[in-house]
Amino acid sequence: MDNLTPRKIVEELNKYIIGQDKAKKAVAIALRNRWRRQRLSPDLKDEVLPKNILMIGPTGVGKTEIARRLAKLVGAPFIKVEASKFTEVGYVGRDVESMIRDLTGLAVTMVKAEYMERVYAKAQTLSEERLLDLLLPLPKLNRKLASAEALSKIDEEKESYSETREKLRAQLREGKLDNRYVDLDVREKVVPFGIVSNIGMDEIEMNLKEMLGNFLPQKARRKKVSIPEALSLIAQEEANKLIDMDKVVKEAIERTEQNGIVFLDEIDKIASKGQSYGPDVSREGVQRDLLPIVEGSTVSTKHGTVKTDHILFIAAGAFNVAKPSDLIPELQGRFPIRVELDALGKNEFLRILQEPQNALIKQYVALLGTEGLKIKFEKESISEIAGIAEEVNEKTENIGARRLHTILEKLLEDISFEAPERKNGDLIINAKYVKDKLGDIVKNEDLSRYIL
């Protein structure tokens, strides 16, 4: 984070997201403020609250991608949740605290993976030794009851065993034993019964099985596995032994509290529009349940208690029916940074198709390249695709950049189907091909609405 200035954060986001400079600037400042807070005196540090962000804009303009790339950039625990999936306390469904439990679980997985990486070299060495013990068991030698002549013979056997073991080690490392199989005891938790799930019961079933799994002993099951698979399984087991899970959990909780990012999508769907009846009462209930999580509270998770005071919340919504002012005032106040994202037009689509590191054109060229088919898109064809995307978005529902996926899939449908038979062919996609393939569909509004 020391080198990640707001300008550099924006530059990194520019590699994947086209336009939306205001939103990028807002998230870059919010992220840098975290770094600044860590350098304050302890008494002041706790007083500085995260600058939560409310993104306002239509679907498919980059709201989720900005938040996701931001979290990836700094290696922060990140979770995307949809506000419409939550219900207020007393109703069947997910409660708002579950997002913090999920975020903590992701942080534990992330930190554990980092610890595993540190000890993996040692774990591989240990797994090699254990596998050699399986392939070549140590002979039972009783030196106490042996005569002098027998002791000499025992020493010779030990030397011969060591030589054979080293030869076997060399073959193992060279991959000469990859086709062999060994019997391996694999430990697994077994829950002796299941629960018939009903609506809203999936999470209860999962938690109950997990809880019972902690009480029940692990059962060893013998499996016949190949040498490479055995090495991987044993290395995983040894790595788990080398890791101190208490340290992992402690670091994961700290990382969740200090660096966690929650992306709260579709927040406009829980905005009540002033009525005091019908489903809107439940929507306002979700907002009131959400409020203590956003303003800072303590949530109990299976890993321990997690404070949400300094978790960064990025909320987003199209707000095409409800308005940000329809949210309850207390919740509005917890999202001090408001940023409006722009709708995408032909120029943005042109850039999205070509510029980002994971640009759609690059993806399709690479995918069909695996079949030995070289595809080249002419500039005019890319311009035509961008124009069609803008036109269809205007005529039908505006789904932003996601429209490009449907158009490209339809455009390349026949080529993708025939690619394996074309074998090492070259294909140029020009503007005429795009018009021939999509022209009639775009002209017919009903057909366009249905297919694109």
Protein backbone atom coordinates (compact mmCIF):
# COMPACT_ATOMS: atom_id res chain seq x y z
CA MET A 1 0.00 0.00 0.00
CA ASP A 2 2.96 2.37 0.56
CA ASN A 3 3.42 2.77 -3.20
CA LEU A 4 -0.27 2.66 -4.11
CA THR A 5 -1.10 6.34 -4.32
CA PRO A 6 -4.62 7.26 -5.51
CA ARG A 7 -3.21 8.04 -8.96
CA LYS A 8 -1.54 4.62 -9.21
CA ILE A 9 -4.71 2.88 -8.02
CA VAL A 10 -6.64 4.60 -10.82
CA GLU A 11 -3.94 3.60 -13.33
CA GLU A 12 -4.27 -0.05 -12.26
CA LEU A 13 -8.06 0.09 -12.54
CA ASN A 14 -7.72 1.64 -16.01
CA LYS A 15 -6.16 -1.63 -17.22
CA TYR A 16 -9.50 -3.40 -16.75
CA ILE A 17 -12.24 -0.77 -16.64
CA ILE A 18 -12.98 1.82 -19.32
CA GLY A 19 -14.19 5.28 -18.27
CA GLN A 20 -16.00 5.89 -14.95
CA ASP A 21 -13.20 8.22 -13.78
CA LYS A 22 -15.29 9.70 -10.95
CA ALA A 23 -15.99 6.28 -9.44
CA LYS A 24 -12.34 5.20 -9.75
CA LYS A 25 -11.20 8.41 -8.08
CA ALA A 26 -13.66 7.91 -5.19
CA VAL A 27 -12.60 4.32 -4.46
CA ALA A 28 -8.91 5.22 -4.80
CA ILE A 29 -9.26 7.94 -2.15
CA ALA A 30 -11.27 5.62 0.15
CA LEU A 31 -8.54 2.96 -0.14
CA ARG A 32 -5.73 5.44 0.50
CA ASN A 33 -7.57 6.75 3.56
CA ARG A 34 -7.23 3.26 5.07
CA TRP A 35 -3.46 3.46 4.67
CA ARG A 36 -3.47 6.94 6.25
CA ARG A 37 -5.59 5.74 9.19
CA GLN A 38 -3.08 2.98 10.00
CA ARG A 39 -0.44 5.66 10.55
CA LEU A 40 -2.43 7.67 13.09
CA SER A 41 -2.00 7.49 16.86
CA PRO A 42 -4.02 4.63 18.46
CA ASP A 43 -6.52 6.98 20.15
CA LEU A 44 -7.28 8.79 16.86
CA LYS A 45 -7.11 5.68 14.66
CA ASP A 46 -10.28 4.19 16.15
CA GLU A 47 -12.18 7.43 15.64
CA VAL A 48 -11.61 7.62 11.87
CA LEU A 49 -14.48 5.80 10.17
CA PRO A 50 -14.30 4.32 6.65
CA LYS A 51 -15.65 6.52 3.88
CA ASN A 52 -18.34 4.21 2.52
CA ILE A 53 -19.34 4.73 -1.10
CA LEU A 54 -22.71 4.68 -2.86
CA MET A 55 -22.42 4.03 -6.62
CA ILE A 56 -25.40 5.09 -8.72
CA GLY A 57 -25.67 3.89 -12.30
CA PRO A 58 -27.34 1.44 -14.69
CA THR A 59 -26.38 -2.22 -14.87
CA GLY A 60 -23.31 -3.26 -16.85
CA VAL A 61 -21.31 -0.03 -16.49
CA GLY A 62 -18.56 -1.39 -14.21
CA LYS A 63 -19.78 -0.99 -10.60
CA THR A 64 -19.00 -4.56 -9.51
CA GLU A 65 -15.79 -4.72 -11.54
CA ILE A 66 -14.39 -1.57 -9.89
CA ALA A 67 -14.96 -3.00 -6.39
CA ARG A 68 -13.66 -6.47 -7.31
CA ARG A 69 -10.49 -5.20 -8.98
CA LEU A 70 -9.89 -2.81 -6.07
CA ALA A 71 -9.96 -5.68 -3.55
CA LYS A 72 -7.71 -7.84 -5.76
CA LEU A 73 -5.24 -4.98 -6.09
CA VAL A 74 -4.57 -4.85 -2.34
CA GLY A 75 -5.28 -8.51 -1.51
CA ALA A 76 -8.20 -7.57 0.72
CA PRO A 77 -10.98 -9.99 1.73
CA PHE A 78 -13.85 -9.16 -0.61
CA ILE A 79 -17.44 -10.34 -0.91
CA LYS A 80 -20.25 -9.32 -3.21
CA VAL A 81 -23.77 -9.67 -1.82
CA GLU A 82 -27.16 -8.68 -3.17
CA ALA A 83 -29.26 -6.65 -0.75
CA SER A 84 -32.48 -8.12 -2.15
CA LYS A 85 -31.52 -11.58 -0.81
CA PHE A 86 -31.70 -10.48 2.81
CA THR A 87 -34.78 -10.37 5.00
CA GLU A 88 -35.39 -8.68 8.31
CA VAL A 89 -35.15 -10.66 11.54
CA GLY A 90 -38.14 -12.96 12.04
CA TYR A 91 -38.58 -13.82 8.35
CA VAL A 92 -37.26 -16.89 6.53
CA GLY A 93 -34.11 -16.06 4.59
CA ARG A 94 -30.57 -14.81 5.04
CA ASP A 95 -29.88 -12.36 7.83
CA VAL A 96 -27.54 -9.43 7.18
CA GLU A 97 -24.88 -10.73 9.60
CA SER A 98 -24.27 -13.68 7.26
CA MET A 99 -22.32 -11.36 4.90
CA ILE A 100 -19.73 -10.75 7.65
CA ARG A 101 -19.55 -14.48 8.44
CA ASP A 102 -18.97 -15.21 4.74
CA LEU A 103 -16.34 -12.45 4.52
CA THR A 104 -14.49 -13.88 7.55
CA GLY A 105 -14.60 -17.37 6.05
CA LEU A 106 -13.06 -16.03 2.82
CA ALA A 107 -10.35 -14.24 4.82
CA VAL A 108 -9.48 -17.46 6.69
CA THR A 109 -9.22 -19.33 3.36
CA MET A 110 -7.04 -16.54 1.92
CA VAL A 111 -4.65 -16.40 4.90
CA LYS A 112 -4.46 -20.20 5.13
CA ALA A 113 -3.50 -20.38 1.43
CA GLU A 114 -0.68 -17.86 2.08
CA TYR A 115 0.60 -19.89 5.07
CA MET A 116 0.37 -23.11 3.01
CA GLU A 117 2.50 -21.53 0.31
CA ARG A 118 5.21 -20.67 2.87
CA VAL A 119 5.47 -24.23 4.21
CA TYR A 120 4.78 -26.09 0.97
CA ALA A 121 8.43 -26.74 0.11
CA LYS A 122 8.97 -28.38 3.51
CA ALA A 123 5.68 -30.26 3.19
CA GLN A 124 6.77 -31.66 -0.20
CA THR A 125 10.02 -32.94 1.32
CA LEU A 126 8.11 -34.64 4.14
CA SER A 127 5.57 -36.09 1.69
CA GLU A 128 8.40 -37.56 -0.39
CA GLU A 129 9.81 -39.30 2.69
CA ARG A 130 6.39 -40.67 3.68
CA LEU A 131 5.74 -41.95 0.17
CA LEU A 132 9.14 -43.68 0.07
CA ASP A 133 8.23 -45.36 3.37
CA LEU A 134 5.09 -46.67 1.69
CA LEU A 135 6.92 -47.87 -1.42
CA LEU A 136 9.86 -49.36 0.48
CA PRO A 137 9.02 -50.16 4.11
CA LEU A 138 11.95 -50.20 6.55
CA PRO A 139 12.92 -53.84 7.38
CA LYS A 140 12.52 -54.92 11.01
CA LEU A 141 16.00 -55.40 12.46
CA ASN A 142 16.60 -56.50 16.06
CA ARG A 143 20.18 -55.54 17.00
CA LYS A 144 19.83 -56.50 20.69
CA LEU A 145 19.47 -60.24 20.10
CA ALA A 146 21.90 -60.45 17.19
CA SER A 147 25.40 -61.97 17.24
CA ALA A 148 28.48 -60.16 15.94
CA GLU A 149 28.14 -61.88 12.57
CA ALA A 150 24.43 -61.05 12.41
CA LEU A 151 25.16 -57.41 13.34
CA SER A 152 27.51 -57.15 10.36
CA LYS A 153 24.78 -58.59 8.13
CA ILE A 154 22.26 -56.07 9.56
CA ASP A 155 24.61 -53.18 8.71
CA GLU A 156 24.93 -54.50 5.16
CA GLU A 157 21.14 -54.72 4.86
CA LYS A 158 20.80 -51.15 6.13
CA GLU A 159 23.32 -49.92 3.59
CA SER A 160 21.56 -51.82 0.80
CA TYR A 161 18.21 -50.40 1.95
CA SER A 162 19.61 -46.84 1.88
CA GLU A 163 20.98 -47.33 -1.64
CA THR A 164 17.67 -48.76 -2.90
CA ARG A 165 15.76 -45.91 -1.26
CA GLU A 166 17.95 -43.29 -2.97
CA LYS A 167 17.47 -45.01 -6.36
CA LEU A 168 13.72 -45.00 -5.75
CA ARG A 169 13.87 -41.31 -4.79
CA ALA A 170 15.64 -40.49 -8.06
CA GLN A 171 13.01 -42.42 -10.06
CA LEU A 172 10.25 -40.63 -8.15
CA ARG A 173 11.69 -37.19 -8.95
CA GLU A 174 12.20 -38.10 -12.62
CA GLY A 175 8.55 -39.18 -12.91
CA LYS A 176 9.35 -42.80 -13.70
CA LEU A 177 6.94 -44.02 -11.02
CA ASP A 178 3.99 -41.86 -12.11
CA ASN A 179 2.08 -44.86 -13.50
CA ARG A 180 2.29 -46.83 -10.24
CA TYR A 181 -0.43 -46.86 -7.58
CA VAL A 182 -0.26 -47.03 -3.78
CA ASP A 183 -2.83 -47.65 -1.04
CA LEU A 184 -3.22 -44.49 1.01
CA ASP A 185 -5.24 -43.75 4.15
CA VAL A 186 -7.20 -40.56 3.51
CA ARG A 187 -8.76 -38.89 6.56
CA GLU A 188 -12.19 -37.37 6.21
CA LYS A 189 -15.01 -36.16 8.47
CA VAL A 190 -18.09 -38.30 8.21
CA VAL A 191 -21.50 -37.03 9.30
CA PRO A 192 -23.69 -40.08 9.94
CA PHE A 193 -26.96 -38.51 8.85
CA GLY A 194 -28.34 -35.77 6.63
CA ILE A 195 -31.18 -33.30 6.87
CA VAL A 196 -33.90 -33.02 4.29
CA SER A 197 -33.56 -29.41 3.17
CA ASN A 198 -36.51 -27.12 2.73
CA ILE A 199 -36.75 -23.51 1.55
CA GLY A 200 -34.36 -21.45 3.67
CA MET A 201 -32.91 -24.57 5.36
CA ASP A 202 -29.75 -24.97 3.25
CA GLU A 203 -27.62 -22.72 5.46
CA ILE A 204 -28.87 -24.40 8.67
CA GLU A 205 -28.03 -27.83 7.24
CA MET A 206 -24.54 -26.70 6.23
CA ASN A 207 -23.80 -25.15 9.64
CA LEU A 208 -25.15 -28.18 11.53
CA LYS A 209 -23.07 -30.61 9.49
CA GLU A 210 -20.00 -28.45 10.09
CA MET A 211 -20.66 -28.29 13.84
CA LEU A 212 -21.17 -32.06 14.11
CA GLY A 213 -18.07 -32.63 12.01
CA ASN A 214 -15.99 -30.83 14.66
CA PHE A 215 -17.26 -33.20 17.38
CA LEU A 216 -17.02 -36.44 15.43
CA PRO A 217 -13.60 -38.09 14.99
CA GLN A 218 -12.02 -38.20 11.58
CA LYS A 219 -12.35 -41.53 9.80
CA ALA A 220 -9.53 -42.93 7.69
CA ARG A 221 -10.54 -44.42 4.35
CA ARG A 222 -8.14 -46.43 2.27
CA LYS A 223 -7.87 -45.35 -1.35
CA LYS A 224 -5.82 -46.57 -4.29
CA VAL A 225 -4.22 -43.50 -5.83
CA SER A 226 -1.51 -42.77 -8.38
CA ILE A 227 1.94 -41.68 -7.19
CA PRO A 228 1.52 -37.99 -8.22
CA GLU A 229 -1.90 -37.83 -6.51
CA ALA A 230 -0.47 -39.51 -3.39
CA LEU A 231 2.36 -36.95 -3.25
CA SER A 232 -0.17 -34.11 -3.51
CA LEU A 233 -2.48 -35.55 -0.83
CA ILE A 234 0.35 -36.24 1.62
CA ALA A 235 1.89 -32.78 0.98
CA GLN A 236 -1.49 -31.19 1.74
CA GLU A 237 -1.76 -33.18 4.96
CA GLU A 238 1.80 -32.31 6.03
CA ALA A 239 1.27 -28.62 5.21
CA ASN A 240 -1.85 -28.60 7.40
CA LYS A 241 0.23 -30.03 10.27
CA LEU A 242 2.88 -27.32 9.85
CA ILE A 243 0.34 -24.48 10.01
CA ASP A 244 -0.79 -22.96 13.29
CA MET A 245 -4.53 -22.47 12.65
CA ASP A 246 -4.88 -20.21 15.71
CA LYS A 247 -2.46 -17.75 14.06
CA VAL A 248 -4.29 -18.08 10.74
CA VAL A 249 -7.67 -17.31 12.30
CA LYS A 250 -6.28 -14.41 14.33
CA GLU A 251 -4.68 -12.82 11.26
CA ALA A 252 -7.78 -13.47 9.13
CA ILE A 253 -10.07 -11.73 11.65
CA GLU A 254 -7.68 -8.77 11.85
CA ARG A 255 -7.54 -8.56 8.06
CA THR A 256 -11.33 -8.72 7.84
CA GLU A 257 -11.74 -5.94 10.39
CA GLN A 258 -9.06 -3.64 8.95
CA ASN A 259 -9.10 -4.40 5.20
CA GLY A 260 -12.40 -6.15 4.44
CA ILE A 261 -14.55 -4.84 1.57
CA VAL A 262 -18.25 -5.63 1.23
CA PHE A 263 -19.88 -4.82 -2.12
CA LEU A 264 -23.60 -4.41 -1.45
CA ASP A 265 -25.35 -4.62 -4.81
CA GLU A 266 -28.99 -3.83 -5.65
CA ILE A 267 -29.38 -1.59 -2.61
CA ASP A 268 -32.05 0.34 -4.52
CA LYS A 269 -34.27 -2.79 -4.36
CA ILE A 270 -34.60 -2.41 -0.57
CA ALA A 271 -35.29 1.33 -0.72
CA SER A 272 -38.82 1.99 0.56
CA LYS A 273 -40.65 4.71 -1.31
CA GLY A 274 -42.57 6.24 1.58
CA GLN A 275 -45.43 3.71 1.84
CA SER A 276 -46.13 2.11 5.18
CA TYR A 277 -47.77 -1.08 3.90
CA GLY A 278 -47.06 -4.14 1.79
CA PRO A 279 -43.59 -5.55 1.12
CA ASP A 280 -41.94 -2.15 1.63
CA VAL A 281 -42.25 -2.63 5.40
CA SER A 282 -39.95 -5.66 5.09
CA ARG A 283 -37.57 -3.66 2.86
CA GLU A 284 -37.25 -0.97 5.50
CA GLY A 285 -36.68 -3.75 8.03
CA VAL A 286 -33.68 -4.96 6.01
CA GLN A 287 -32.31 -1.41 5.99
CA ARG A 288 -32.65 -1.18 9.78
CA ASP A 289 -30.93 -4.55 10.21
CA LEU A 290 -28.19 -3.40 7.83
CA LEU A 291 -27.62 -0.12 9.66
CA PRO A 292 -25.75 -1.47 12.75
CA ILE A 293 -23.50 -3.62 10.51
CA VAL A 294 -22.52 -0.59 8.42
CA GLU A 295 -22.11 1.83 11.33
CA GLY A 296 -20.09 -0.67 13.36
CA SER A 297 -21.06 -3.65 15.50
CA THR A 298 -19.72 -7.00 16.66
CA VAL A 299 -20.76 -10.11 14.73
CA SER A 300 -20.31 -13.64 16.06
CA THR A 301 -18.78 -16.07 13.56
CA LYS A 302 -17.56 -19.64 13.95
CA HIS A 303 -13.99 -18.26 13.94
CA GLY A 304 -14.66 -15.69 16.68
CA THR A 305 -16.15 -12.22 17.01
CA VAL A 306 -15.59 -9.71 14.22
CA LYS A 307 -15.96 -5.93 14.56
CA THR A 308 -17.38 -4.21 11.49
CA ASP A 309 -16.36 -0.63 12.44
CA HIS A 310 -13.64 -0.33 9.79
CA ILE A 311 -14.91 -2.62 7.03
CA LEU A 312 -15.40 -0.64 3.80
CA PHE A 313 -18.91 -0.90 2.37
CA ILE A 314 -19.45 -0.08 -1.29
CA ALA A 315 -23.17 -0.01 -2.12
CA ALA A 316 -24.51 0.13 -5.66
CA GLY A 317 -27.81 0.36 -7.46
CA ALA A 318 -29.41 1.52 -10.69
CA PHE A 319 -31.94 3.72 -8.80
CA ASN A 320 -34.15 3.89 -11.90
CA VAL A 321 -37.33 3.54 -9.76
CA ALA A 322 -36.29 4.40 -6.22
CA LYS A 323 -33.93 7.28 -5.37
CA PRO A 324 -31.02 7.36 -2.88
CA SER A 325 -33.20 9.68 -0.76
CA ASP A 326 -35.70 6.79 -0.41
CA LEU A 327 -33.23 4.98 1.84
CA ILE A 328 -33.76 5.60 5.57
CA PRO A 329 -31.86 8.76 6.65
CA GLU A 330 -29.58 6.87 9.07
CA LEU A 331 -28.37 4.57 6.28
CA GLN A 332 -27.94 7.47 3.85
CA GLY A 333 -25.63 9.11 6.37
CA ARG A 334 -23.41 6.03 6.45
CA PHE A 335 -22.58 6.40 2.74
CA PRO A 336 -21.01 9.87 2.63
CA ILE A 337 -19.44 9.45 -0.81
CA ARG A 338 -21.93 9.44 -3.68
CA VAL A 339 -20.73 8.84 -7.20
CA GLU A 340 -22.75 8.57 -10.39
CA LEU A 341 -21.55 6.25 -13.13
CA ASP A 342 -22.14 7.17 -16.75
CA ALA A 343 -24.14 5.09 -19.20
CA LEU A 344 -21.98 3.54 -21.93
CA GLY A 345 -22.12 4.58 -25.59
CA LYS A 346 -20.45 3.52 -28.85
CA ASN A 347 -17.06 5.08 -28.00
CA GLU A 348 -16.89 3.28 -24.64
CA PHE A 349 -17.91 -0.02 -26.27
CA LEU A 350 -15.15 0.41 -28.85
CA ARG A 351 -12.58 0.81 -26.09
CA ILE A 352 -14.04 -2.03 -23.97
CA LEU A 353 -13.72 -4.40 -26.93
CA GLN A 354 -10.03 -3.63 -27.49
CA GLU A 355 -8.19 -1.85 -24.67
CA PRO A 356 -8.45 -3.74 -21.34
CA GLN A 357 -6.02 -6.58 -20.57
CA ASN A 358 -8.96 -8.97 -20.60
CA ALA A 359 -10.72 -7.33 -23.58
CA LEU A 360 -13.53 -9.37 -25.15
CA ILE A 361 -11.96 -9.44 -28.62
CA LYS A 362 -8.70 -10.80 -27.12
CA GLN A 363 -10.68 -13.47 -25.24
CA TYR A 364 -12.48 -14.75 -28.34
CA VAL A 365 -9.33 -14.71 -30.47
CA ALA A 366 -7.50 -16.73 -27.79
CA LEU A 367 -10.41 -19.18 -27.28
CA LEU A 368 -10.71 -20.00 -30.99
CA GLY A 369 -6.92 -20.05 -31.28
CA THR A 370 -6.93 -23.21 -29.14
CA GLU A 371 -8.64 -24.93 -32.10
CA GLY A 372 -5.89 -23.75 -34.45
CA LEU A 373 -8.17 -21.08 -35.92
CA LYS A 374 -6.66 -17.62 -36.35
CA ILE A 375 -9.29 -14.90 -36.23
CA LYS A 376 -8.69 -11.27 -37.02
CA PHE A 377 -11.23 -8.50 -36.42
CA GLU A 378 -10.97 -5.51 -38.77
CA LYS A 379 -11.39 -2.05 -37.21
CA GLU A 380 -14.61 -1.48 -39.15
CA SER A 381 -16.10 -4.69 -37.79
CA ILE A 382 -15.33 -3.71 -34.19
CA SER A 383 -16.91 -0.30 -34.83
CA GLU A 384 -19.99 -2.03 -36.25
CA ILE A 385 -20.28 -4.31 -33.17
CA ALA A 386 -20.02 -1.29 -30.86
CA GLY A 387 -22.69 0.56 -32.87
CA ILE A 388 -25.06 -2.43 -32.73
CA ALA A 389 -24.56 -2.73 -28.96
CA GLU A 390 -25.47 0.94 -28.50
CA GLU A 391 -28.50 0.64 -30.79
CA VAL A 392 -29.88 -2.48 -29.10
CA ASN A 393 -29.37 -0.95 -25.64
CA GLU A 394 -31.36 2.10 -26.72
CA LYS A 395 -34.20 0.12 -28.33
CA THR A 396 -34.52 -2.52 -25.61
CA GLU A 397 -33.28 -2.73 -22.02
CA ASN A 398 -29.97 -0.95 -21.33
CA ILE A 399 -27.72 -3.66 -19.89
CA GLY A 400 -24.48 -1.81 -20.54
CA ALA A 401 -21.33 -3.68 -21.55
CA ARG A 402 -23.02 -7.05 -20.98
CA ARG A 403 -24.74 -6.50 -24.33
CA LEU A 404 -21.37 -7.05 -26.02
CA HIS A 405 -21.29 -10.64 -24.73
CA THR A 406 -24.65 -11.52 -26.32
CA ILE A 407 -23.74 -9.83 -29.61
CA LEU A 408 -20.33 -11.51 -29.91
CA GLU A 409 -21.78 -14.91 -28.98
CA LYS A 410 -24.41 -14.58 -31.72
CA LEU A 411 -21.86 -13.23 -34.20
CA LEU A 412 -19.39 -16.08 -33.68
CA GLU A 413 -21.94 -18.85 -33.10
CA ASP A 414 -21.35 -20.69 -36.41
CA ILE A 415 -17.57 -20.16 -36.30
CA SER A 416 -17.38 -21.60 -32.76
CA PHE A 417 -19.45 -24.60 -33.83
CA GLU A 418 -17.38 -25.33 -36.94
CA ALA A 419 -13.96 -24.43 -35.45
CA PRO A 420 -12.75 -28.03 -34.80
CA GLU A 421 -13.36 -28.96 -38.50
CA ARG A 422 -11.67 -25.84 -39.91
CA LYS A 423 -8.17 -26.93 -38.77
CA ASN A 424 -5.45 -24.26 -38.99
CA GLY A 425 -7.56 -21.82 -40.93
CA ASP A 426 -7.39 -18.02 -40.99
CA LEU A 427 -10.57 -15.97 -40.78
CA ILE A 428 -11.10 -12.24 -41.09
CA ILE A 429 -14.19 -10.70 -39.50
CA ASN A 430 -15.11 -7.56 -41.49
CA ALA A 431 -17.99 -5.10 -41.27
CA LYS A 432 -19.91 -6.92 -44.04
CA TYR A 433 -19.82 -10.19 -42.05
CA VAL A 434 -21.17 -8.40 -38.96
CA LYS A 435 -23.99 -6.74 -40.94
CA ASP A 436 -24.92 -9.99 -42.70
CA LYS A 437 -24.99 -11.90 -39.44
CA LEU A 438 -26.74 -9.36 -37.21
CA GLY A 439 -28.38 -6.81 -39.56
CA ASP A 440 -31.79 -8.52 -39.85
CA ILE A 441 -31.96 -9.22 -36.11
CA VAL A 442 -31.22 -5.58 -35.22
CA LYS A 443 -33.83 -4.27 -37.70
CA ASN A 444 -36.57 -6.46 -36.21
CA GLU A 445 -37.10 -4.97 -32.75
CA ASP A 446 -39.04 -7.97 -31.41
CA LEU A 447 -36.37 -10.38 -32.68
CA SER A 448 -33.61 -8.14 -31.33
CA ARG A 449 -35.28 -8.04 -27.90
CA TYR A 450 -35.54 -11.84 -27.90
CA ILE A 451 -32.09 -12.81 -29.26
CA LEU A 452 -29.75 -9.95 -28.33
